[in-house]
Structures are given as structure tokens and as C-alpha cells.
Protein backbone atom coordinates (compact mmCIF):
# COMPACT_ATOMS: atom_id res chain seq x y z
CA MET A 1 115.19 108.29 77.66
CA ALA A 2 118.07 107.10 75.27
CA ALA A 3 117.94 107.55 71.15
CA GLY A 4 115.46 105.53 69.63
CA ASP A 5 113.13 104.66 72.91
CA GLY A 6 110.39 107.40 72.10
CA ALA A 7 109.74 111.22 72.38
CA ALA A 8 110.92 113.33 75.07
CA PRO A 9 110.11 116.77 75.38
CA ALA A 10 112.43 116.75 78.55
CA SER A 11 114.95 115.28 77.30
CA ASP A 12 118.91 116.90 78.02
CA GLU A 13 120.94 114.55 75.72
CA THR A 14 123.13 114.96 72.99
CA PRO A 15 121.96 114.73 69.51
CA ILE A 16 119.28 116.62 71.02
CA ASP A 17 115.96 114.89 70.26
CA PRO A 18 112.85 116.88 68.50
CA ALA A 19 110.90 116.03 70.85
CA ARG A 20 112.93 119.13 73.20
CA LEU A 21 113.07 121.39 70.02
CA CYS A 22 109.24 121.03 69.59
CA ALA A 23 108.97 121.86 73.51
CA GLU A 24 110.68 124.96 73.26
CA ILE A 25 109.11 125.70 69.76
CA SER A 26 105.86 125.61 71.87
CA ALA A 27 107.15 127.51 74.61
CA ALA A 28 108.18 129.71 73.15
CA LEU A 29 105.98 130.42 69.66
CA PRO A 30 103.73 134.12 70.42
CA GLU A 31 100.07 134.11 71.46
CA ASP A 32 99.60 135.08 67.64
CA GLY A 33 102.62 132.69 65.96
CA ILE A 34 102.09 131.44 62.46
CA LEU A 35 104.29 127.84 62.34
CA VAL A 36 105.41 126.79 59.22
CA ALA A 37 106.09 122.63 58.37
CA ASP A 38 107.41 120.38 56.18
CA THR A 39 106.01 117.24 54.98
CA GLY A 40 107.16 113.95 56.51
CA TYR A 41 108.94 113.61 59.27
CA SER A 42 108.77 117.55 59.93
CA GLY A 43 105.13 117.24 59.87
CA ILE A 44 105.02 114.09 61.44
CA TRP A 45 106.91 116.22 65.10
CA THR A 46 105.50 119.44 64.96
CA GLY A 47 101.58 117.35 64.08
CA THR A 48 102.06 115.38 67.08
CA LEU A 49 104.35 117.62 69.77
CA ILE A 50 104.38 121.21 69.20
CA GLU A 51 101.39 122.35 71.79
CA PHE A 52 99.37 125.75 69.74
CA ASN A 53 97.22 127.28 72.42
CA GLY A 54 93.90 127.62 70.58
CA THR A 55 93.44 131.31 70.31
CA GLY A 56 95.31 133.20 67.52
CA GLN A 57 98.32 131.06 66.50
CA GLN A 58 98.00 129.41 62.95
CA TYR A 59 99.80 126.33 61.81
CA LEU A 60 100.31 125.38 58.27
CA ARG A 61 101.66 121.95 56.71
CA ALA A 62 103.35 120.79 53.44
CA ALA A 63 100.84 118.37 52.64
CA GLY A 64 102.79 116.83 49.71
CA SER A 65 105.74 118.24 48.31
CA LEU A 66 109.42 118.34 50.78
CA GLY A 67 110.95 121.48 50.57
CA TRP A 68 107.63 123.53 50.67
CA ALA A 69 107.69 125.37 54.12
CA PHE A 70 110.72 127.62 53.95
CA PRO A 71 108.89 129.39 50.53
CA ALA A 72 105.62 128.95 52.23
CA ALA A 73 106.70 130.74 54.93
CA LEU A 74 108.20 133.53 53.29
CA GLY A 75 104.68 133.33 51.93
CA ALA A 76 102.85 133.13 54.91
CA LYS A 77 105.12 136.37 56.97
CA CYS A 78 104.21 138.59 53.43
CA ALA A 79 100.77 137.86 54.84
CA ALA A 80 100.33 138.28 58.35
CA GLY A 81 101.86 141.93 58.82
CA ALA A 82 104.02 142.06 62.72
CA ARG A 83 102.67 138.73 63.47
CA LYS A 84 106.04 136.52 64.10
CA VAL A 85 106.64 133.31 61.29
CA VAL A 86 108.63 129.51 62.67
CA CYS A 87 109.55 127.42 59.72
CA TYR A 88 110.21 124.12 61.16
CA SER A 89 112.07 122.08 58.38
CA GLY A 90 115.13 118.75 57.89
CA ASP A 91 118.05 119.44 56.66
CA GLY A 92 116.81 117.25 53.52
CA ALA A 93 114.09 119.73 52.67
CA LEU A 94 116.08 122.59 52.83
CA TYR A 95 118.09 121.76 50.06
CA TYR A 96 115.99 122.21 47.47
CA HIS A 97 114.22 126.05 48.01
CA LEU A 98 117.90 126.80 50.37
CA THR A 99 118.50 129.73 47.64
CA GLU A 100 115.11 131.65 48.72
CA LEU A 101 117.42 132.75 51.78
CA GLU A 102 118.37 135.47 48.57
CA THR A 103 114.78 135.72 48.32
CA ALA A 104 114.14 136.63 52.53
CA LYS A 105 117.55 139.28 52.38
CA ARG A 106 116.64 140.76 49.37
CA ARG A 107 112.96 142.12 50.10
CA GLY A 108 113.45 142.39 53.63
CA ILE A 109 111.21 139.22 54.82
CA ALA A 110 111.47 137.90 58.96
CA VAL A 111 110.92 134.67 59.29
CA THR A 112 113.12 131.95 61.75
CA LEU A 113 113.87 129.66 60.22
CA VAL A 114 114.58 125.94 62.12
CA VAL A 115 116.77 123.41 60.79
CA ASN A 116 116.34 119.97 62.37
CA ASN A 117 119.24 119.13 60.99
CA ASN A 118 120.42 115.11 61.13
CA GLN A 119 122.80 115.27 58.50
CA GLY A 120 120.29 112.48 56.36
CA PHE A 121 116.66 111.38 55.59
CA GLY A 122 115.36 110.73 59.68
CA GLN A 123 111.37 109.50 58.20
CA GLY A 124 112.78 106.24 56.64
CA TRP A 125 116.00 105.86 58.25
CA PRO A 126 114.89 102.84 60.23
CA ASN A 127 113.47 100.53 57.60
CA LEU A 128 116.13 101.21 55.56
CA VAL A 129 118.89 100.23 58.03
CA ARG A 130 116.22 97.07 58.68
CA ALA A 131 116.32 96.45 54.38
CA ALA A 132 120.16 96.55 54.45
CA GLY A 133 120.08 93.35 56.69
CA ASN A 134 123.96 92.20 57.99
CA ARG A 135 125.46 95.52 55.67
CA PRO A 136 124.03 98.31 58.10
CA GLU A 137 126.59 100.40 56.59
CA VAL A 138 124.48 100.44 53.75
CA ALA A 139 121.73 102.53 54.88
CA GLY A 140 124.25 105.62 55.49
CA THR A 141 124.73 105.53 51.69
CA LEU A 142 121.88 106.14 50.14
CA LEU A 143 119.65 108.05 53.38
CA ARG A 144 123.01 109.98 54.87
CA PHE A 145 124.56 112.92 53.52
CA GLY A 146 128.12 112.81 52.80
CA ALA A 147 128.72 116.82 53.27
CA HIS A 148 128.14 118.07 56.81
CA THR A 149 126.67 120.98 55.85
CA ASP A 150 126.84 124.41 57.99
CA PHE A 151 123.65 125.85 57.79
CA CYS A 152 125.16 129.19 59.74
CA ALA A 153 127.75 129.30 57.25
CA LEU A 154 125.24 129.19 54.24
CA ALA A 155 123.34 131.64 55.46
CA ALA A 156 126.06 134.35 56.74
CA GLY A 157 127.08 133.93 52.68
CA PHE A 158 123.36 135.63 52.41
CA GLY A 159 124.11 138.12 54.29
CA LEU A 160 121.76 136.85 57.42
CA ARG A 161 122.92 135.50 60.36
CA GLY A 162 122.68 131.75 61.57
CA ILE A 163 123.04 129.98 64.60
CA ARG A 164 123.61 126.89 65.25
CA VAL A 165 122.10 125.08 68.40
CA GLU A 166 123.61 121.94 69.72
CA ARG A 167 122.48 121.67 73.52
CA PRO A 168 118.87 121.74 74.42
CA GLU A 169 119.09 124.33 76.97
CA GLN A 170 120.07 126.66 73.90
CA ILE A 171 117.06 125.83 72.05
CA GLY A 172 114.84 128.43 73.32
CA PRO A 173 117.45 131.70 73.51
CA ALA A 174 118.25 130.66 70.10
CA LEU A 175 114.42 130.64 69.20
CA ARG A 176 114.07 133.90 71.13
CA GLU A 177 116.71 136.11 69.34
CA ALA A 178 115.79 134.94 65.99
CA MET A 179 112.02 135.61 66.43
CA ALA A 180 113.37 139.41 67.68
CA SER A 181 115.44 139.87 64.30
CA ASP A 182 113.59 142.14 61.51
CA GLU A 183 115.63 139.74 59.13
CA THR A 184 115.24 136.39 58.30
CA VAL A 185 117.85 134.06 61.10
CA VAL A 186 118.68 130.62 60.59
CA VAL A 187 118.13 128.78 64.21
CA GLU A 188 120.00 125.44 63.19
CA VAL A 189 119.56 122.14 65.85
CA MET A 190 121.67 119.13 65.96
CA THR A 191 119.07 116.38 65.90
CA GLY A 192 120.22 112.17 65.79
CA ILE A 193 119.32 110.69 63.69
CA ASP A 194 117.55 107.70 65.70
CA HIS A 195 115.46 109.33 67.09
CA ARG A 196 111.53 108.44 66.49
CA ALA A 197 108.60 110.17 66.52
CA PRO A 198 105.39 109.32 68.73
CA GLU A 199 103.62 106.42 66.57
CA PRO A 200 100.13 106.79 65.13
CA TRP A 201 96.98 106.08 67.12
CA THR A 202 93.03 106.33 66.92
CA PRO A 203 91.01 107.36 70.13
CA GLU A 204 89.12 104.42 71.62
CA GLY A 205 85.03 104.24 70.73
């Protein structure tokens, strides 16, 4: 399915469709795992496409402040003991509290930090492109990031590991490797900004 045509959990395309990322998280999250998601598009992707087992798993989602998920995931892990904690954050959201990688390293807090890296703010992207009219490049100056940030290199700067994922088949192994670690690991997944999450709907009746 082409980018922008809707969510495709089985998509093999690159840049990676976040729907495929959600499907891989669904498969990898342990039966007692905790998923912490940021607000905005991170919440929409995970809230609509992550499949939970209905028993021991938990889902914590920000209701407002962008960037909440990573520090919240560290707190969740401190309370969760041996249970695995996976944080789902966009790259834009992670910029707010990226320095908490230092806290994770210093305090020995182990979470799997998944960065949905589409090199911009994806949720408002199509609306801004439409608003730009005959000058679509203007949208990029407002919502695309100028620097192609290497979050794996940033993790290394804090003394932590990073795993860069550029192909869909790499997602599952990267998640399992990160969750097996005894410290925080950044899993940077290169996704496309034109991929759209499912539209909201209400059941009939």
C-alpha cells in the first residue's frame, strides 16, 4: 500500500510505515509488558494499531504534553520491577526530554525507547501542505527538521546503545535485542512523514 493510502501493518516499504512498526511492537511486547506512548500522532498510531493481549499488558498514554512519554517510561520502569517497558515517541517529541538519557544511564533504568523518526512533525503535515497551496515547500520550512539527527549517535554520547532500523524486517530483532538489555536502548526507526494513521470512527448504533 502506498504512503498516504492508509495504515498497512504488513507493509514492506521504506521509509517504514508506522503501521508496520506498531504490528512489530504488538508481536514483541511481553505478556506483562508496559507500553508508554506520547501524545499526538504517537498516541493515535499506538492507540489504534497496537494489539494488546487483554491480560497482563498495560498502556500508558500522554493526554497533553508533547515529550511526556520518555520520562514517564523511566518512572514506569522504576515502579514495574522486572516487567519490560517500551516507550513509543516521535522524534519531535523526544527533543523535549532527550537529556533524560543521562538519567537512564546514571540510574541504571532499562527501557526500550522506540523513536518513530520521520524527521518532522507528522500529525499536522498534510494540513500544512494544503495550506501552503502553490508553495508546498513552505510546509517543510515549518514542520520538517533541518538536521538529520542521528539518535543512535546521541545515545552513544550518553553511554547507551542505539539500533538504527531502516528496513521493516529489522524491527522485530531490534525490539527483542533492546528488551533483552539491562539498560536503556534507543531503537531508531526511519519512517515516512506521508504515512497516515487510521481515521477515527464510531461503531454503528
